[in-house]
Amino acid sequence: MTDLTGTSFEFPGEYYEIMRKDFRSVDAETEFLSSLLPDGGTALDLGCGTGTNLRALAARGYRGTGVDQSAAFVDYARAAGGAGLTYVHGRAETYRTDERYDLVYSLFMTLNYLPRAELGATLRGIRELLRPGGHVVLEFGHLLNFVDTFQPHTVAHHRGPDGVLITRLARQAVNAHAANWRNEETLLVRAADGTVSMYDNFFDQAVLTGPEMRDLLAAAGLTVTAEYGGFRKEPAPFHGRGPLVIVATAGASTAQQEENHA
């Protein structure tokens, strides 16, 4: 069976910022994430994109690191600045460092982009990156979320400052055997000076479920402490539609436990 897992997000970060505003509330996300951080705490954003969340946290006095596999997005994030912020061009599932964080989060369906077979190791790695008592926040799309929103073809317009217009042409295809959604997009961008450019974008999303993620978190040594249907802390809907936001907490890490018993 052909492995279709992959992503490509190599287009200018300023255009991603324009589209993101039509899908997300940075204010709600910032309030949510800040509520889990101590004063002056540190955060790790896995799948940070253009650094939107980290810049908002930095404005409140938090420090952080962002990891993303898109070189274009990381370049944009670095240029956008923010006190106490560091960005790494790399993959979320392989990121390792000796630093420990008060909060590790992965938003906007980043988990769905990861190869399913690597989720367990990724969560164990996240566990080792947390300080004792630290939190992890995971937002992911699950089965009914995908089924309800599935459309074979979509056209959307996103408007930015100075007359910038992004037209997004998208096609979805389902690999039912792999429980995988392939998304192919073409972005047509009319810039402020009237020039037009085109970008080809694709990403695969694995269909995850709540029970699957709870089991993986438990196996990684993380305790689920809350579940929400969004970043305004609304309850996860009974019918299961929409994304699921899970908060989990870490005790002493495996390495720390071994050190304590040495």
Protein backbone atom coordinates (compact mmCIF):
# COMPACT_ATOMS: atom_id res chain seq x y z
CA MET A 1 0.00 0.00 0.00
CA THR A 2 1.36 3.43 -0.91
CA ASP A 3 2.25 5.67 2.04
CA LEU A 4 0.60 9.01 1.37
CA THR A 5 1.60 10.64 4.64
CA GLY A 6 3.20 14.03 4.15
CA THR A 7 2.78 17.78 4.28
CA SER A 8 3.92 20.76 2.29
CA PHE A 9 3.49 24.29 3.62
CA GLU A 10 6.16 26.21 1.75
CA PHE A 11 4.51 29.51 0.92
CA PRO A 12 5.04 33.01 2.39
CA GLY A 13 4.15 33.24 6.08
CA GLU A 14 2.26 36.52 5.69
CA TYR A 15 -0.33 34.71 3.58
CA TYR A 16 -0.73 31.99 6.19
CA GLU A 17 -1.32 34.70 8.80
CA ILE A 18 -4.15 36.13 6.69
CA MET A 19 -5.86 32.75 6.30
CA ARG A 20 -5.35 31.80 9.93
CA LYS A 21 -7.38 34.80 11.13
CA ASP A 22 -10.43 33.41 9.31
CA PHE A 23 -10.22 30.10 11.20
CA ARG A 24 -8.87 30.91 14.66
CA SER A 25 -9.23 33.22 17.67
CA VAL A 26 -5.74 34.07 18.90
CA ASP A 27 -7.23 35.89 21.91
CA ALA A 28 -9.14 32.79 23.06
CA GLU A 29 -6.11 30.55 22.48
CA THR A 30 -3.84 32.92 24.41
CA GLU A 31 -6.19 33.10 27.39
CA PHE A 32 -6.44 29.32 27.44
CA LEU A 33 -2.70 28.68 27.22
CA SER A 34 -1.83 31.43 29.70
CA SER A 35 -4.14 29.88 32.30
CA LEU A 36 -1.84 26.82 32.34
CA LEU A 37 1.46 28.71 32.66
CA PRO A 38 3.12 30.01 35.84
CA ASP A 39 4.42 33.60 35.90
CA GLY A 40 7.43 33.81 33.61
CA GLY A 41 6.90 30.21 32.47
CA THR A 42 8.18 28.57 29.32
CA ALA A 43 6.18 27.01 26.50
CA LEU A 44 6.98 24.70 23.60
CA ASP A 45 4.82 25.01 20.48
CA LEU A 46 5.02 21.90 18.31
CA GLY A 47 3.80 22.82 14.85
CA CYS A 48 4.15 26.55 15.57
CA GLY A 49 3.49 27.71 12.01
CA THR A 50 4.36 31.41 11.78
CA GLY A 51 4.68 31.78 15.55
CA THR A 52 1.33 33.49 16.13
CA ASN A 53 0.62 31.85 19.50
CA LEU A 54 4.15 32.26 20.83
CA ARG A 55 4.23 35.98 20.00
CA ALA A 56 0.94 36.44 21.84
CA LEU A 57 2.36 34.60 24.87
CA ALA A 58 5.61 36.58 24.70
CA ALA A 59 3.58 39.79 24.90
CA ARG A 60 2.40 38.52 28.31
CA GLY A 61 5.91 37.84 29.55
CA TYR A 62 6.29 34.13 28.72
CA ARG A 63 9.27 32.60 26.95
CA GLY A 64 9.06 29.83 24.41
CA THR A 65 10.33 27.67 21.60
CA GLY A 66 8.55 26.94 18.34
CA VAL A 67 9.16 23.96 16.07
CA ASP A 68 7.82 23.67 12.54
CA GLN A 69 8.79 21.73 9.42
CA SER A 70 8.01 24.65 7.08
CA ALA A 71 11.17 26.65 6.41
CA ALA A 72 9.09 29.55 5.06
CA PHE A 73 6.95 29.71 8.20
CA VAL A 74 9.97 29.51 10.54
CA ASP A 75 11.69 32.30 8.60
CA TYR A 76 8.59 34.46 8.98
CA ALA A 77 8.35 33.72 12.71
CA ARG A 78 11.99 34.63 13.31
CA ALA A 79 11.63 37.89 11.38
CA ALA A 80 8.45 38.78 13.30
CA GLY A 81 10.46 38.73 16.54
CA GLY A 82 9.23 38.44 20.11
CA ALA A 83 11.28 38.64 23.31
CA GLY A 84 12.50 35.30 24.66
CA LEU A 85 11.41 33.26 21.64
CA THR A 86 13.44 30.68 19.70
CA TYR A 87 12.39 28.87 16.53
CA VAL A 88 13.61 25.53 15.21
CA HIS A 89 13.13 24.23 11.67
CA GLY A 90 12.31 20.56 12.22
CA ARG A 91 9.61 17.97 12.77
CA ALA A 92 7.50 17.89 15.93
CA GLU A 93 7.84 14.12 16.36
CA THR A 94 11.66 14.18 16.37
CA TYR A 95 12.35 17.36 18.37
CA ARG A 96 14.54 16.77 21.42
CA THR A 97 16.32 19.15 23.81
CA ASP A 98 17.68 19.21 27.35
CA GLU A 99 15.39 22.11 28.21
CA ARG A 100 12.19 21.38 30.16
CA TYR A 101 8.97 23.32 29.71
CA ASP A 102 5.99 24.28 31.85
CA LEU A 103 3.66 23.83 28.89
CA VAL A 104 3.90 21.89 25.64
CA TYR A 105 1.10 22.40 23.14
CA SER A 106 0.18 21.30 19.64
CA LEU A 107 -2.76 23.13 18.04
CA PHE A 108 -4.63 23.44 14.75
CA MET A 109 -4.68 19.70 13.99
CA THR A 110 -0.88 19.32 13.96
CA LEU A 111 -1.25 15.88 15.58
CA ASN A 112 -3.36 14.75 12.63
CA TYR A 113 -0.44 15.49 10.29
CA LEU A 114 1.88 13.07 12.09
CA PRO A 115 2.30 9.46 10.97
CA ARG A 116 -0.05 7.39 13.13
CA ALA A 117 2.68 4.89 14.00
CA GLU A 118 4.79 7.69 15.51
CA LEU A 119 2.14 9.17 17.82
CA GLY A 120 3.05 7.02 20.84
CA ALA A 121 6.75 7.90 20.62
CA THR A 122 5.87 11.55 20.03
CA LEU A 123 3.78 11.71 23.20
CA ARG A 124 6.48 9.95 25.21
CA GLY A 125 8.94 12.53 23.91
CA ILE A 126 6.58 15.32 24.94
CA ARG A 127 6.34 13.78 28.38
CA GLU A 128 10.11 13.96 28.81
CA LEU A 129 10.11 17.64 27.75
CA LEU A 130 7.75 18.66 30.58
CA ARG A 131 8.69 19.76 34.05
CA PRO A 132 6.92 17.87 36.88
CA GLY A 133 3.40 19.26 37.09
CA GLY A 134 3.69 20.68 33.59
CA HIS A 135 0.82 20.53 31.13
CA VAL A 136 0.33 19.41 27.56
CA VAL A 137 -2.48 20.76 25.38
CA LEU A 138 -3.46 18.81 22.28
CA GLU A 139 -6.06 19.89 19.76
CA PHE A 140 -6.97 17.39 17.09
CA GLY A 141 -9.69 16.55 14.61
CA HIS A 142 -11.44 13.23 15.12
CA LEU A 143 -13.76 10.96 13.20
CA LEU A 144 -17.06 12.89 13.14
CA ASN A 145 -15.15 16.16 12.74
CA PHE A 146 -13.79 14.85 9.44
CA VAL A 147 -17.03 13.21 8.30
CA ASP A 148 -19.17 16.29 8.96
CA THR A 149 -16.85 18.72 7.21
CA PHE A 150 -15.88 16.55 4.26
CA GLN A 151 -16.32 18.27 0.91
CA PRO A 152 -14.64 16.96 -2.24
CA HIS A 153 -14.00 20.48 -3.55
CA THR A 154 -14.05 23.91 -1.90
CA VAL A 155 -13.32 27.50 -2.91
CA ALA A 156 -12.64 30.16 -0.30
CA HIS A 157 -11.46 33.78 -0.33
CA HIS A 158 -9.30 35.38 2.36
CA ARG A 159 -8.71 39.13 2.40
CA GLY A 160 -5.72 40.81 3.95
CA PRO A 161 -4.48 44.40 4.28
CA ASP A 162 -3.88 46.68 1.30
CA GLY A 163 -6.14 44.69 -1.01
CA VAL A 164 -4.35 41.35 -0.68
CA LEU A 165 -6.70 38.59 -1.84
CA ILE A 166 -6.05 34.87 -1.40
CA THR A 167 -8.25 32.42 -3.28
CA ARG A 168 -7.91 28.90 -1.95
CA LEU A 169 -8.95 26.00 -4.21
CA ALA A 170 -9.02 22.75 -2.27
CA ARG A 171 -9.68 19.11 -3.06
CA GLN A 172 -10.12 16.35 -0.47
CA ALA A 173 -9.64 12.65 -1.15
CA VAL A 174 -10.10 9.77 1.28
CA ASN A 175 -7.81 6.79 1.69
CA ALA A 176 -10.26 4.66 3.67
CA HIS A 177 -7.80 1.79 4.20
CA ALA A 178 -5.37 4.11 5.99
CA ALA A 179 -8.05 6.27 7.68
CA ASN A 180 -6.35 9.20 6.00
CA TRP A 181 -7.55 12.42 4.37
CA ARG A 182 -5.40 13.90 1.58
CA ASN A 183 -5.90 17.65 1.13
CA GLU A 184 -4.60 19.30 -2.04
CA GLU A 185 -4.73 23.09 -2.28
CA THR A 186 -3.83 25.74 -4.81
CA LEU A 187 -3.43 29.27 -3.48
CA LEU A 188 -3.88 32.16 -5.91
CA VAL A 189 -2.63 35.37 -4.31
CA ARG A 190 -3.19 38.91 -5.57
CA ALA A 191 -0.62 41.02 -3.74
CA ALA A 192 -0.97 44.67 -2.73
CA ASP A 193 0.79 45.81 -5.93
CA GLY A 194 -1.60 43.78 -8.09
CA THR A 195 0.80 40.99 -9.03
CA VAL A 196 -0.56 37.45 -8.88
CA SER A 197 1.31 34.38 -7.62
CA MET A 198 0.35 30.72 -7.22
CA TYR A 199 1.36 28.15 -4.59
CA ASP A 200 0.78 24.41 -4.50
CA ASN A 201 0.06 23.03 -1.05
CA PHE A 202 -0.84 19.57 0.24
CA PHE A 203 -1.18 17.77 3.54
CA ASP A 204 -2.36 14.42 4.84
CA GLN A 205 -4.42 14.09 8.01
CA ALA A 206 -4.86 10.86 9.93
CA VAL A 207 -8.29 10.37 11.50
CA LEU A 208 -7.82 10.10 15.27
CA THR A 209 -10.35 9.28 17.98
CA GLY A 210 -10.78 10.44 21.57
CA PRO A 211 -10.33 6.94 23.08
CA GLU A 212 -7.19 6.39 20.99
CA MET A 213 -5.61 9.64 22.21
CA ARG A 214 -6.56 9.02 25.86
CA ASP A 215 -4.93 5.59 25.72
CA LEU A 216 -1.78 6.98 24.09
CA LEU A 217 -1.52 9.76 26.69
CA ALA A 218 -1.91 7.28 29.54
CA ALA A 219 0.74 5.01 28.02
CA ALA A 220 3.08 8.02 27.83
CA GLY A 221 2.63 8.70 31.54
CA LEU A 222 0.36 11.71 31.15
CA THR A 223 -2.87 12.15 33.11
CA VAL A 224 -5.84 13.70 31.30
CA THR A 225 -7.21 16.50 33.49
CA ALA A 226 -9.68 18.26 31.17
CA GLU A 227 -11.38 18.01 27.79
CA TYR A 228 -13.04 20.83 25.87
CA GLY A 229 -14.72 21.52 22.57
CA GLY A 230 -12.69 24.69 22.03
CA PHE A 231 -10.44 27.30 23.57
CA ARG A 232 -13.21 29.17 25.33
CA LYS A 233 -13.42 26.05 27.51
CA GLU A 234 -16.80 25.09 26.11
CA PRO A 235 -17.76 21.47 26.87
CA ALA A 236 -16.84 18.85 24.30
CA PRO A 237 -20.12 18.34 22.40
CA PHE A 238 -21.92 15.09 23.11
CA HIS A 239 -22.38 14.35 19.42
CA GLY A 240 -18.59 14.37 18.98
CA ARG A 241 -18.43 16.89 16.15
CA GLY A 242 -15.77 19.56 16.02
CA PRO A 243 -12.20 19.38 17.31
CA LEU A 244 -11.31 18.02 20.73
CA VAL A 245 -8.93 19.86 23.07
CA ILE A 246 -7.31 17.66 25.71
CA VAL A 247 -5.28 18.92 28.67
CA ALA A 248 -2.97 16.40 30.38
CA THR A 249 -0.55 16.77 33.27
CA ALA A 250 2.85 15.25 33.97
CA GLY A 251 4.22 13.81 37.20
CA ALA A 252 7.91 13.03 37.62
CA SER A 253 9.49 11.92 34.35
CA THR A 254 11.00 8.47 33.85
CA ALA A 255 14.50 9.96 33.93
CA GLN A 256 13.72 11.88 37.12
CA GLN A 257 12.26 8.80 38.78
CA GLU A 258 15.41 6.82 37.95
CA GLU A 259 17.56 9.65 39.33
CA ASN A 260 15.53 9.76 42.56
CA HIS A 261 15.98 6.01 43.07
CA ALA A 262 19.66 5.99 42.21
